[in-house]
PDB file of N, CA and C in Angstrom:
ATOM      1  N   MET A   1      59.957  24.562 -65.213  1.00  0.00           N
ATOM      2  CA  MET A   1      58.845  25.138 -65.940  1.00  0.00           C
ATOM      3  C   MET A   1      58.802  24.517 -67.329  1.00  0.00           C
ATOM      4  N   ASN A   2      57.620  24.328 -67.839  1.00  0.00           N
ATOM      5  CA  ASN A   2      57.418  23.715 -69.144  1.00  0.00           C
ATOM      6  C   ASN A   2      57.467  24.789 -70.228  1.00  0.00           C
ATOM      7  N   ASP A   3      58.363  24.673 -71.232  1.00  0.00           N
ATOM      8  CA  ASP A   3      58.503  25.658 -72.306  1.00  0.00           C
ATOM      9  C   ASP A   3      57.585  25.385 -73.488  1.00  0.00           C
ATOM     10  N   ILE A   4      56.712  24.426 -73.379  1.00  0.00           N
ATOM     11  CA  ILE A   4      55.811  24.103 -74.480  1.00  0.00           C
ATOM     12  C   ILE A   4      54.529  24.911 -74.302  1.00  0.00           C
ATOM     13  N   ALA A   5      54.175  25.682 -75.364  1.00  0.00           N
ATOM     14  CA  ALA A   5      52.979  26.516 -75.317  1.00  0.00           C
ATOM     15  C   ALA A   5      51.760  25.694 -75.700  1.00  0.00           C
ATOM     16  N   PRO A   6      50.603  26.064 -75.177  1.00  0.00           N
ATOM     17  CA  PRO A   6      49.385  25.364 -75.586  1.00  0.00           C
ATOM     18  C   PRO A   6      49.160  25.552 -77.091  1.00  0.00           C
ATOM     19  N   ILE A   7      48.436  24.639 -77.689  1.00  0.00           N
ATOM     20  CA  ILE A   7      48.152  24.718 -79.120  1.00  0.00           C
ATOM     21  C   ILE A   7      47.415  26.013 -79.413  1.00  0.00           C
ATOM     22  N   GLY A   8      47.850  26.716 -80.486  1.00  0.00           N
ATOM     23  CA  GLY A   8      47.210  27.960 -80.880  1.00  0.00           C
ATOM     24  C   GLY A   8      47.808  29.190 -80.230  1.00  0.00           C
ATOM     25  N   ARG A   9      48.683  29.024 -79.268  1.00  0.00           N
ATOM     26  CA  ARG A   9      49.320  30.175 -78.612  1.00  0.00           C
ATOM     27  C   ARG A   9      50.825  29.962 -78.643  1.00  0.00           C
ATOM     28  N   PRO A  10      51.519  30.648 -79.536  1.00  0.00           N
ATOM     29  CA  PRO A  10      52.973  30.456 -79.618  1.00  0.00           C
ATOM     30  C   PRO A  10      53.668  30.967 -78.364  1.00  0.00           C
ATOM     31  N   ASN A  11      54.726  30.323 -77.984  1.00  0.00           N
ATOM     32  CA  ASN A  11      55.518  30.711 -76.821  1.00  0.00           C
ATOM     33  C   ASN A  11      56.792  31.372 -77.326  1.00  0.00           C
ATOM     34  N   TYR A  12      56.725  32.681 -77.560  1.00  0.00           N
ATOM     35  CA  TYR A  12      57.874  33.390 -78.098  1.00  0.00           C
ATOM     36  C   TYR A  12      59.023  33.464 -77.109  1.00  0.00           C
ATOM     37  N   SER A  13      58.733  33.433 -75.837  1.00  0.00           N
ATOM     38  CA  SER A  13      59.810  33.519 -74.863  1.00  0.00           C
ATOM     39  C   SER A  13      60.692  32.281 -74.912  1.00  0.00           C
ATOM     40  N   ALA A  14      60.152  31.190 -75.420  1.00  0.00           N
ATOM     41  CA  ALA A  14      60.939  29.974 -75.507  1.00  0.00           C
ATOM     42  C   ALA A  14      62.044  30.104 -76.551  1.00  0.00           C
ATOM     43  N   ILE A  15      61.902  31.020 -77.512  1.00  0.00           N
ATOM     44  CA  ILE A  15      62.936  31.198 -78.524  1.00  0.00           C
ATOM     45  C   ILE A  15      63.666  32.523 -78.345  1.00  0.00           C
ATOM     46  N   GLY A  16      63.468  33.180 -77.233  1.00  0.00           N
ATOM     47  CA  GLY A  16      64.224  34.381 -76.915  1.00  0.00           C
ATOM     48  C   GLY A  16      63.590  35.675 -77.390  1.00  0.00           C
ATOM     49  N   GLY A  17      62.365  35.644 -77.919  1.00  0.00           N
ATOM     50  CA  GLY A  17      61.700  36.856 -78.387  1.00  0.00           C
ATOM     51  C   GLY A  17      61.001  37.567 -77.255  1.00  0.00           C
ATOM     52  N   SER A  18      60.460  38.707 -77.571  1.00  0.00           N
ATOM     53  CA  SER A  18      59.735  39.488 -76.589  1.00  0.00           C
ATOM     54  C   SER A  18      58.319  39.695 -77.080  1.00  0.00           C
ATOM     55  N   THR A  19      57.352  39.555 -76.192  1.00  0.00           N
ATOM     56  CA  THR A  19      55.965  39.785 -76.566  1.00  0.00           C
ATOM     57  C   THR A  19      55.436  41.074 -75.960  1.00  0.00           C
ATOM     58  N   ARG A  20      56.281  41.846 -75.292  1.00  0.00           N
ATOM     59  CA  ARG A  20      55.838  43.094 -74.675  1.00  0.00           C
ATOM     60  C   ARG A  20      55.555  44.134 -75.746  1.00  0.00           C
ATOM     61  N   ARG A  21      54.448  44.842 -75.580  1.00  0.00           N
ATOM     62  CA  ARG A  21      54.158  45.958 -76.491  1.00  0.00           C
ATOM     63  C   ARG A  21      55.079  47.106 -76.142  1.00  0.00           C
ATOM     64  N   GLY A  22      55.551  47.796 -77.178  1.00  0.00           N
ATOM     65  CA  GLY A  22      56.412  48.939 -76.952  1.00  0.00           C
ATOM     66  C   GLY A  22      57.840  48.556 -76.642  1.00  0.00           C
ATOM     67  N   ALA A  23      58.185  47.292 -76.803  1.00  0.00           N
ATOM     68  CA  ALA A  23      59.549  46.867 -76.537  1.00  0.00           C
ATOM     69  C   ALA A  23      60.483  47.489 -77.561  1.00  0.00           C
ATOM     70  N   SER A  24      61.680  47.839 -77.140  1.00  0.00           N
ATOM     71  CA  SER A  24      62.625  48.463 -78.064  1.00  0.00           C
ATOM     72  C   SER A  24      63.095  47.431 -79.083  1.00  0.00           C
ATOM     73  N   PRO A  25      63.406  47.894 -80.315  1.00  0.00           N
ATOM     74  CA  PRO A  25      63.841  46.960 -81.349  1.00  0.00           C
ATOM     75  C   PRO A  25      65.178  46.336 -80.995  1.00  0.00           C
ATOM     76  N   VAL A  26      65.387  45.153 -81.489  1.00  0.00           N
ATOM     77  CA  VAL A  26      66.619  44.424 -81.229  1.00  0.00           C
ATOM     78  C   VAL A  26      67.721  45.007 -82.103  1.00  0.00           C
ATOM     79  N   THR A  27      68.864  45.320 -81.522  1.00  0.00           N
ATOM     80  CA  THR A  27      70.002  45.839 -82.267  1.00  0.00           C
ATOM     81  C   THR A  27      70.826  44.664 -82.765  1.00  0.00           C
ATOM     82  N   PRO A  28      71.206  44.676 -84.045  1.00  0.00           N
ATOM     83  CA  PRO A  28      72.026  43.578 -84.552  1.00  0.00           C
ATOM     84  C   PRO A  28      73.329  43.484 -83.777  1.00  0.00           C
ATOM     85  N   VAL A  29      73.823  42.264 -83.612  1.00  0.00           N
ATOM     86  CA  VAL A  29      75.020  42.011 -82.809  1.00  0.00           C
ATOM     87  C   VAL A  29      76.237  42.695 -83.411  1.00  0.00           C
ATOM     88  N   ASN A  30      76.357  42.722 -84.749  1.00  0.00           N
ATOM     89  CA  ASN A  30      77.548  43.284 -85.375  1.00  0.00           C
ATOM     90  C   ASN A  30      77.476  44.805 -85.531  1.00  0.00           C
ATOM     91  N   GLY A  31      76.423  45.454 -85.047  1.00  0.00           N
ATOM     92  CA  GLY A  31      76.297  46.899 -85.091  1.00  0.00           C
ATOM     93  C   GLY A  31      75.791  47.429 -86.420  1.00  0.00           C
ATOM     94  N   ALA A  32      75.408  46.568 -87.332  1.00  0.00           N
ATOM     95  CA  ALA A  32      74.919  47.002 -88.641  1.00  0.00           C
ATOM     96  C   ALA A  32      73.561  47.665 -88.495  1.00  0.00           C
ATOM     97  N   GLN A  33      73.290  48.623 -89.336  1.00  0.00           N
ATOM     98  CA  GLN A  33      72.006  49.301 -89.335  1.00  0.00           C
ATOM     99  C   GLN A  33      70.978  48.442 -90.057  1.00  0.00           C
ATOM    100  N   ARG A  34      69.744  48.520 -89.597  1.00  0.00           N
ATOM    101  CA  ARG A  34      68.665  47.803 -90.268  1.00  0.00           C
ATOM    102  C   ARG A  34      68.295  48.556 -91.536  1.00  0.00           C
ATOM    103  N   GLY A  35      67.948  47.833 -92.584  1.00  0.00           N
ATOM    104  CA  GLY A  35      67.514  48.456 -93.833  1.00  0.00           C
ATOM    105  C   GLY A  35      66.165  49.119 -93.659  1.00  0.00           C
ATOM    106  N   SER A  36      65.878  50.066 -94.518  1.00  0.00           N
ATOM    107  CA  SER A  36      64.585  50.736 -94.440  1.00  0.00           C
ATOM    108  C   SER A  36      63.561  49.985 -95.267  1.00  0.00           C
ATOM    109  N   ASP A  37      62.304  50.134 -94.882  1.00  0.00           N
ATOM    110  CA  ASP A  37      61.221  49.501 -95.626  1.00  0.00           C
ATOM    111  C   ASP A  37      60.932  50.315 -96.873  1.00  0.00           C
ATOM    112  N   GLU A  38      60.383  49.659 -97.871  1.00  0.00           N
ATOM    113  CA  GLU A  38      60.064  50.331 -99.131  1.00  0.00           C
ATOM    114  C   GLU A  38      58.700  49.866 -99.601  1.00  0.00           C
ATOM    115  N   VAL A  39      57.907  50.809-100.090  1.00  0.00           N
ATOM    116  CA  VAL A  39      56.580  50.497-100.613  1.00  0.00           C
ATOM    117  C   VAL A  39      56.580  50.803-102.092  1.00  0.00           C
ATOM    118  N   GLN A  40      56.071  49.866-102.895  1.00  0.00           N
ATOM    119  CA  GLN A  40      55.963  50.084-104.332  1.00  0.00           C
ATOM    120  C   GLN A  40      54.507  49.902-104.733  1.00  0.00           C
ATOM    121  N   PHE A  41      53.996  50.829-105.549  1.00  0.00           N
ATOM    122  CA  PHE A  41      52.626  50.760-106.010  1.00  0.00           C
ATOM    123  C   PHE A  41      52.613  50.273-107.448  1.00  0.00           C
ATOM    124  N   SER A  42      51.677  49.417-107.759  1.00  0.00           N
ATOM    125  CA  SER A  42      51.550  48.916-109.120  1.00  0.00           C
ATOM    126  C   SER A  42      50.962  49.991-110.022  1.00  0.00           C
ATOM    127  N   ASP A  43      51.099  49.788-111.331  1.00  0.00           N
ATOM    128  CA  ASP A  43      50.507  50.730-112.285  1.00  0.00           C
ATOM    129  C   ASP A  43      49.001  50.804-112.097  1.00  0.00           C
ATOM    130  N   THR A  44      48.384  49.688-111.788  1.00  0.00           N
ATOM    131  CA  THR A  44      46.936  49.655-111.566  1.00  0.00           C
ATOM    132  C   THR A  44      46.564  50.503-110.360  1.00  0.00           C
ATOM    133  N   ALA A  45      47.327  50.414-109.293  1.00  0.00           N
ATOM    134  CA  ALA A  45      47.051  51.208-108.095  1.00  0.00           C
ATOM    135  C   ALA A  45      47.202  52.693-108.392  1.00  0.00           C
ATOM    136  N   ARG A  46      48.219  53.048-109.175  1.00  0.00           N
ATOM    137  CA  ARG A  46      48.397  54.462-109.535  1.00  0.00           C
ATOM    138  C   ARG A  46      47.223  54.959-110.363  1.00  0.00           C
ATOM    139  N   LEU A  47      46.762  54.141-111.317  1.00  0.00           N
ATOM    140  CA  LEU A  47      45.630  54.521-112.160  1.00  0.00           C
ATOM    141  C   LEU A  47      44.368  54.699-111.325  1.00  0.00           C
ATOM    142  N   LEU A  48      44.121  53.772-110.417  1.00  0.00           N
ATOM    143  CA  LEU A  48      42.939  53.879-109.557  1.00  0.00           C
ATOM    144  C   LEU A  48      43.001  55.129-108.688  1.00  0.00           C
ATOM    145  N   SER A  49      44.186  55.472-108.230  1.00  0.00           N
ATOM    146  CA  SER A  49      44.341  56.687-107.433  1.00  0.00           C
ATOM    147  C   SER A  49      44.000  57.924-108.258  1.00  0.00           C
ATOM    148  N   LYS A  50      44.444  57.960-109.518  1.00  0.00           N
ATOM    149  CA  LYS A  50      44.127  59.095-110.385  1.00  0.00           C
ATOM    150  C   LYS A  50      42.631  59.150-110.688  1.00  0.00           C
ATOM    151  N   LEU A  51      42.006  57.987-110.856  1.00  0.00           N
ATOM    152  CA  LEU A  51      40.573  57.964-111.125  1.00  0.00           C
ATOM    153  C   LEU A  51      39.770  58.535-109.964  1.00  0.00           C
ATOM    154  N   ARG A  52      40.233  58.285-108.741  1.00  0.00           N
ATOM    155  CA  ARG A  52      39.542  58.818-107.562  1.00  0.00           C
ATOM    156  C   ARG A  52      39.624  60.338-107.505  1.00  0.00           C
ATOM    157  N   GLU A  53      40.651  60.921-108.141  1.00  0.00           N
ATOM    158  CA  GLU A  53      40.824  62.368-108.120  1.00  0.00           C
ATOM    159  C   GLU A  53      39.963  63.082-109.160  1.00  0.00           C
ATOM    160  N   LEU A  54      39.386  62.334-110.095  1.00  0.00           N
ATOM    161  CA  LEU A  54      38.558  62.949-111.126  1.00  0.00           C
ATOM    162  C   LEU A  54      37.280  63.512-110.503  1.00  0.00           C
ATOM    163  N   PRO A  55      36.762  64.587-111.089  1.00  0.00           N
ATOM    164  CA  PRO A  55      35.517  65.154-110.545  1.00  0.00           C
ATOM    165  C   PRO A  55      34.344  64.206-110.775  1.00  0.00           C
ATOM    166  N   ASP A  56      33.311  64.393-109.987  1.00  0.00           N
ATOM    167  CA  ASP A  56      32.118  63.567-110.116  1.00  0.00           C
ATOM    168  C   ASP A  56      31.475  63.782-111.484  1.00  0.00           C
ATOM    169  N   ILE A  57      30.768  62.788-111.946  1.00  0.00           N
ATOM    170  CA  ILE A  57      30.066  62.859-113.220  1.00  0.00           C
ATOM    171  C   ILE A  57      28.907  63.838-113.087  1.00  0.00           C
ATOM    172  N   ARG A  58      28.774  64.699-114.070  1.00  0.00           N
ATOM    173  CA  ARG A  58      27.660  65.648-114.084  1.00  0.00           C
ATOM    174  C   ARG A  58      26.555  65.038-114.931  1.00  0.00           C
ATOM    175  N   GLN A  59      25.722  64.257-114.298  1.00  0.00           N
ATOM    176  CA  GLN A  59      24.674  63.512-114.984  1.00  0.00           C
ATOM    177  C   GLN A  59      23.733  64.431-115.755  1.00  0.00           C
ATOM    178  N   ASP A  60      23.493  65.645-115.255  1.00  0.00           N
ATOM    179  CA  ASP A  60      22.603  66.559-115.962  1.00  0.00           C
ATOM    180  C   ASP A  60      23.161  66.922-117.339  1.00  0.00           C
ATOM    181  N   LYS A  61      24.482  67.114-117.440  1.00  0.00           N
ATOM    182  CA  LYS A  61      25.098  67.411-118.737  1.00  0.00           C
ATOM    183  C   LYS A  61      25.016  66.209-119.676  1.00  0.00           C
ATOM    184  N   ILE A  62      25.250  65.037-119.147  1.00  0.00           N
ATOM    185  CA  ILE A  62      25.167  63.816-119.947  1.00  0.00           C
ATOM    186  C   ILE A  62      23.753  63.655-120.494  1.00  0.00           C
ATOM    187  N   ASP A  63      22.771  63.888-119.634  1.00  0.00           N
ATOM    188  CA  ASP A  63      21.374  63.764-120.076  1.00  0.00           C
ATOM    189  C   ASP A  63      21.037  64.785-121.156  1.00  0.00           C
ATOM    190  N   GLN A  64      21.565  66.010-121.035  1.00  0.00           N
ATOM    191  CA  GLN A  64      21.317  67.040-122.044  1.00  0.00           C
ATOM    192  C   GLN A  64      21.894  66.634-123.400  1.00  0.00           C
ATOM    193  N   VAL A  65      23.117  66.144-123.389  1.00  0.00           N
ATOM    194  CA  VAL A  65      23.755  65.742-124.644  1.00  0.00           C
ATOM    195  C   VAL A  65      23.025  64.552-125.253  1.00  0.00           C
ATOM    196  N   ARG A  66      22.667  63.586-124.431  1.00  0.00           N
ATOM    197  CA  ARG A  66      21.924  62.423-124.954  1.00  0.00           C
ATOM    198  C   ARG A  66      20.602  62.857-125.588  1.00  0.00           C
ATOM    199  N   GLN A  67      19.917  63.779-124.927  1.00  0.00           N
ATOM    200  CA  GLN A  67      18.642  64.260-125.464  1.00  0.00           C
ATOM    201  C   GLN A  67      18.858  64.995-126.789  1.00  0.00           C
ATOM    202  N   ALA A  68      19.911  65.825-126.868  1.00  0.00           N
ATOM    203  CA  ALA A  68      20.207  66.552-128.106  1.00  0.00           C
ATOM    204  C   ALA A  68      20.564  65.584-129.231  1.00  0.00           C
ATOM    205  N   ILE A  69      21.287  64.521-128.916  1.00  0.00           N
ATOM    206  CA  ILE A  69      21.612  63.511-129.929  1.00  0.00           C
ATOM    207  C   ILE A  69      20.333  62.839-130.404  1.00  0.00           C
ATOM    208  N   ASP A  70      19.478  62.458-129.453  1.00  0.00           N
ATOM    209  CA  ASP A  70      18.204  61.810-129.810  1.00  0.00           C
ATOM    210  C   ASP A  70      17.326  62.727-130.659  1.00  0.00           C
ATOM    211  N   ASP A  71      17.342  64.037-130.347  1.00  0.00           N
ATOM    212  CA  ASP A  71      16.520  64.999-131.091  1.00  0.00           C
ATOM    213  C   ASP A  71      17.126  65.364-132.445  1.00  0.00           C
ATOM    214  N   GLY A  72      18.403  65.020-132.645  1.00  0.00           N
ATOM    215  CA  GLY A  72      19.085  65.382-133.884  1.00  0.00           C
ATOM    216  C   GLY A  72      19.602  66.803-133.895  1.00  0.00           C
ATOM    217  N   THR A  73      19.669  67.435-132.741  1.00  0.00           N
ATOM    218  CA  THR A  73      20.124  68.825-132.661  1.00  0.00           C
ATOM    219  C   THR A  73      21.543  68.963-132.110  1.00  0.00           C
ATOM    220  N   TYR A  74      22.193  67.881-131.834  1.00  0.00           N
ATOM    221  CA  TYR A  74      23.534  67.960-131.225  1.00  0.00           C
ATOM    222  C   TYR A  74      24.584  68.384-132.241  1.00  0.00           C
ATOM    223  N   ASP A  75      24.560  67.804-133.424  1.00  0.00           N
ATOM    224  CA  ASP A  75      25.572  68.108-134.433  1.00  0.00           C
ATOM    225  C   ASP A  75      25.162  69.332-135.247  1.00  0.00           C
ATOM    226  N   THR A  76      25.577  70.496-134.780  1.00  0.00           N
ATOM    227  CA  THR A  76      25.323  71.720-135.536  1.00  0.00           C
ATOM    228  C   THR A  76      26.578  72.048-136.344  1.00  0.00           C
ATOM    229  N   ASP A  77      26.442  72.894-137.344  1.00  0.00           N
ATOM    230  CA  ASP A  77      27.592  73.281-138.158  1.00  0.00           C
ATOM    231  C   ASP A  77      28.666  73.953-137.313  1.00  0.00           C
ATOM    232  N   GLU A  78      28.260  74.735-136.337  1.00  0.00           N
ATOM    233  CA  GLU A  78      29.228  75.420-135.475  1.00  0.00           C
ATOM    234  C   GLU A  78      30.029  74.412-134.645  1.00  0.00           C
ATOM    235  N   LYS A  79      29.350  73.423-134.134  1.00  0.00           N
ATOM    236  CA  LYS A  79      30.038  72.408-133.321  1.00  0.00           C
ATOM    237  C   LYS A  79      30.989  71.585-134.175  1.00  0.00           C
ATOM    238  N   VAL A  80      30.579  71.241-135.379  1.00  0.00           N
ATOM    239  CA  VAL A  80      31.442  70.473-136.277  1.00  0.00           C
ATOM    240  C   VAL A  80      32.668  71.312-136.638  1.00  0.00           C
ATOM    241  N   ASP A  81      32.475  72.601-136.945  1.00  0.00           N
ATOM    242  CA  ASP A  81      33.601  73.479-137.267  1.00  0.00           C
ATOM    243  C   ASP A  81      34.564  73.606-136.088  1.00  0.00           C
ATOM    244  N   ALA A  82      34.022  73.767-134.890  1.00  0.00           N
ATOM    245  CA  ALA A  82      34.865  73.883-133.695  1.00  0.00           C
ATOM    246  C   ALA A  82      35.646  72.590-133.464  1.00  0.00           C
ATOM    247  N   MET A  83      35.000  71.457-133.672  1.00  0.00           N
ATOM    248  CA  MET A  83      35.667  70.164-133.498  1.00  0.00           C
ATOM    249  C   MET A  83      36.779  70.001-134.528  1.00  0.00           C
ATOM    250  N   LEU A  84      36.506  70.382-135.779  1.00  0.00           N
ATOM    251  CA  LEU A  84      37.528  70.264-136.820  1.00  0.00           C
ATOM    252  C   LEU A  84      38.701  71.213-136.554  1.00  0.00           C
ATOM    253  N   ASP A  85      38.414  72.429-136.081  1.00  0.00           N
ATOM    254  CA  ASP A  85      39.491  73.363-135.734  1.00  0.00           C
ATOM    255  C   ASP A  85      40.364  72.794-134.623  1.00  0.00           C
ATOM    256  N   ALA A  86      39.735  72.223-133.609  1.00  0.00           N
ATOM    257  CA  ALA A  86      40.495  71.648-132.496  1.00  0.00           C
ATOM    258  C   ALA A  86      41.320  70.457-132.970  1.00  0.00           C
ATOM    259  N   LEU A  87      40.753  69.652-133.851  1.00  0.00           N
ATOM    260  CA  LEU A  87      41.469  68.494-134.395  1.00  0.00           C
ATOM    261  C   LEU A  87      42.680  68.943-135.206  1.00  0.00           C
ATOM    262  N   MET A  88      42.505  69.969-136.013  1.00  0.00           N
ATOM    263  CA  MET A  88      43.598  70.478-136.834  1.00  0.00           C
ATOM    264  C   MET A  88      44.730  71.050-135.955  1.00  0.00           C
ATOM    265  N   GLU A  89      44.376  71.692-134.860  1.00  0.00           N
ATOM    266  CA  GLU A  89      45.387  72.217-133.948  1.00  0.00           C
ATOM    267  C   GLU A  89      46.163  71.076-133.296  1.00  0.00           C
ATOM    268  N   ASP A  90      45.472  70.004-132.963  1.00  0.00           N
ATOM    269  CA  ASP A  90      46.149  68.851-132.361  1.00  0.00           C
ATOM    270  C   ASP A  90      47.106  68.188-133.340  1.00  0.00           C
ATOM    271  N   ILE A  91      46.707  68.126-134.598  1.00  0.00           N
ATOM    272  CA  ILE A  91      47.539  67.465-135.608  1.00  0.00           C
ATOM    273  C   ILE A  91      48.767  68.313-135.941  1.00  0.00           C
ATOM    274  N   ALA A  92      48.588  69.623-135.973  1.00  0.00           N
ATOM    275  CA  ALA A  92      49.691  70.522-136.383  1.00  0.00           C
ATOM    276  C   ALA A  92      50.774  70.633-135.368  1.00  0.00           C
TER     277      ALA A  92
END
């Protein structure tokens, strides 16, 4: 029998491998255990995952604030005082 596989189709049986689906894993000859696989995520992947967890943008609120800024009614004394109080709490 010819052990040479046609081009584009590797002949794994020629090197002692198995192509059967569901074949049991090969046990190392010296009885050593196989190492476990490990997955590491980059900082970018972690950040993207957190971004996906954020709630959807509430466009209606954004439009309201933009309109109030355009009208000149967004910056009221109460809002400025509340912002300054919150800033002071953060600093303290």
